[in-house]
Amino acid sequence: MAHYRNTAEIPFILVGTQDDTRVHRLCNDLKRCTYYETCATYGLNVERVFQDDLRRPTTAVPPAAVPTTTRRLLQ
């Protein structure tokens, strides 16, 4: 990601398992991400990660700003 410009605009969602302090610390350092603590064994917050992400507003990029090769892939 260090090679991309405007990475401050990229939204991050970090998902960690219970007691994963490294991920929680990273999220605090980034200050622009959402952190979810999950438990796959019991299904804790697993569905919420996807539901909240779908509700997150997105910013539309004008077609002229999208590279030609990407536009072809999106069609």
C-alpha atoms as a PDB file:
ATOM      1  CA  MET A   1       0.000   0.000   0.000  1.00  0.00           C
ATOM      2  CA  ALA A   2       2.942   2.315   0.428  1.00  0.00           C
ATOM      3  CA  HIS A   3       3.115   2.659  -3.365  1.00  0.00           C
ATOM      4  CA  TYR A   4      -0.421   4.067  -3.712  1.00  0.00           C
ATOM      5  CA  ARG A   5      -1.370   7.709  -3.471  1.00  0.00           C
ATOM      6  CA  ASN A   6      -4.155   9.033  -1.257  1.00  0.00           C
ATOM      7  CA  THR A   7      -4.200   5.972   0.981  1.00  0.00           C
ATOM      8  CA  ALA A   8      -5.788   8.129   3.690  1.00  0.00           C
ATOM      9  CA  GLU A   9      -9.053   7.778   1.766  1.00  0.00           C
ATOM     10  CA  ILE A  10      -9.045   3.973   1.832  1.00  0.00           C
ATOM     11  CA  PRO A  11     -11.432   2.683   4.509  1.00  0.00           C
ATOM     12  CA  PHE A  12     -10.120  -0.095   6.725  1.00  0.00           C
ATOM     13  CA  ILE A  13     -12.021  -2.746   8.603  1.00  0.00           C
ATOM     14  CA  LEU A  14      -9.925  -4.814  10.964  1.00  0.00           C
ATOM     15  CA  VAL A  15     -11.343  -8.050  12.287  1.00  0.00           C
ATOM     16  CA  GLY A  16      -9.612  -9.763  15.163  1.00  0.00           C
ATOM     17  CA  THR A  17     -10.265 -12.747  17.329  1.00  0.00           C
ATOM     18  CA  GLN A  18     -10.933 -12.387  21.018  1.00  0.00           C
ATOM     19  CA  ASP A  19      -7.921 -11.154  22.972  1.00  0.00           C
ATOM     20  CA  ASP A  20      -6.075 -10.083  19.806  1.00  0.00           C
ATOM     21  CA  THR A  21      -4.368  -7.016  21.249  1.00  0.00           C
ATOM     22  CA  ARG A  22      -2.098  -6.505  18.207  1.00  0.00           C
ATOM     23  CA  VAL A  23      -5.039  -5.851  15.898  1.00  0.00           C
ATOM     24  CA  HIS A  24      -6.723  -3.591  18.437  1.00  0.00           C
ATOM     25  CA  ARG A  25      -3.501  -1.584  18.866  1.00  0.00           C
ATOM     26  CA  LEU A  26      -3.073  -1.294  15.081  1.00  0.00           C
ATOM     27  CA  CYS A  27      -6.604   0.045  14.724  1.00  0.00           C
ATOM     28  CA  ASN A  28      -5.907   2.676  17.371  1.00  0.00           C
ATOM     29  CA  ASP A  29      -2.716   3.680  15.560  1.00  0.00           C
ATOM     30  CA  LEU A  30      -4.435   4.019  12.170  1.00  0.00           C
ATOM     31  CA  LYS A  31      -7.319   6.103  13.593  1.00  0.00           C
ATOM     32  CA  ARG A  32      -9.346   5.626  10.410  1.00  0.00           C
ATOM     33  CA  CYS A  33     -10.512   2.071  10.725  1.00  0.00           C
ATOM     34  CA  THR A  34     -13.279   0.131  12.361  1.00  0.00           C
ATOM     35  CA  TYR A  35     -12.306  -2.734  14.639  1.00  0.00           C
ATOM     36  CA  TYR A  36     -14.465  -5.783  15.265  1.00  0.00           C
ATOM     37  CA  GLU A  37     -13.638  -8.419  17.825  1.00  0.00           C
ATOM     38  CA  THR A  38     -15.114 -11.722  16.711  1.00  0.00           C
ATOM     39  CA  CYS A  39     -15.402 -15.319  17.806  1.00  0.00           C
ATOM     40  CA  ALA A  40     -15.938 -17.764  14.948  1.00  0.00           C
ATOM     41  CA  THR A  41     -16.678 -20.610  17.374  1.00  0.00           C
ATOM     42  CA  TYR A  42     -19.784 -18.872  18.727  1.00  0.00           C
ATOM     43  CA  GLY A  43     -20.431 -16.554  15.780  1.00  0.00           C
ATOM     44  CA  LEU A  44     -19.932 -13.450  17.917  1.00  0.00           C
ATOM     45  CA  ASN A  45     -19.963 -10.300  15.712  1.00  0.00           C
ATOM     46  CA  VAL A  46     -19.169 -12.281  12.534  1.00  0.00           C
ATOM     47  CA  GLU A  47     -22.421 -11.324  10.808  1.00  0.00           C
ATOM     48  CA  ARG A  48     -22.186  -7.762  12.153  1.00  0.00           C
ATOM     49  CA  VAL A  49     -18.907  -7.202  10.280  1.00  0.00           C
ATOM     50  CA  PHE A  50     -20.655  -7.780   6.956  1.00  0.00           C
ATOM     51  CA  GLN A  51     -23.867  -5.950   7.865  1.00  0.00           C
ATOM     52  CA  ASP A  52     -22.051  -2.814   9.017  1.00  0.00           C
ATOM     53  CA  ASP A  53     -19.792  -2.842   5.967  1.00  0.00           C
ATOM     54  CA  LEU A  54     -22.791  -2.963   3.632  1.00  0.00           C
ATOM     55  CA  ARG A  55     -24.329   0.028   5.418  1.00  0.00           C
ATOM     56  CA  ARG A  56     -21.122   2.062   5.138  1.00  0.00           C
ATOM     57  CA  PRO A  57     -21.547   4.910   2.638  1.00  0.00           C
ATOM     58  CA  THR A  58     -19.324   4.759  -0.393  1.00  0.00           C
ATOM     59  CA  THR A  59     -17.984   7.605  -2.468  1.00  0.00           C
ATOM     60  CA  ALA A  60     -18.630   7.325  -6.174  1.00  0.00           C
ATOM     61  CA  VAL A  61     -15.623   7.890  -8.420  1.00  0.00           C
ATOM     62  CA  PRO A  62     -16.341   9.661 -11.713  1.00  0.00           C
ATOM     63  CA  PRO A  63     -15.786   7.283 -14.672  1.00  0.00           C
ATOM     64  CA  ALA A  64     -13.097   9.550 -16.144  1.00  0.00           C
ATOM     65  CA  ALA A  65     -11.016   9.116 -12.970  1.00  0.00           C
ATOM     66  CA  VAL A  66     -11.020   5.316 -13.269  1.00  0.00           C
ATOM     67  CA  PRO A  67      -8.199   3.861 -15.412  1.00  0.00           C
ATOM     68  CA  THR A  68      -9.301   2.337 -18.723  1.00  0.00           C
ATOM     69  CA  THR A  69      -8.286  -1.211 -17.777  1.00  0.00           C
ATOM     70  CA  THR A  70     -10.322  -1.001 -14.581  1.00  0.00           C
ATOM     71  CA  ARG A  71     -13.346   0.314 -16.481  1.00  0.00           C
ATOM     72  CA  ARG A  72     -13.178  -2.710 -18.780  1.00  0.00           C
ATOM     73  CA  LEU A  73     -13.161  -5.038 -15.791  1.00  0.00           C
ATOM     74  CA  LEU A  74     -16.167  -3.301 -14.255  1.00  0.00           C
ATOM     75  CA  GLN A  75     -18.303  -3.632 -17.396  1.00  0.00           C
END
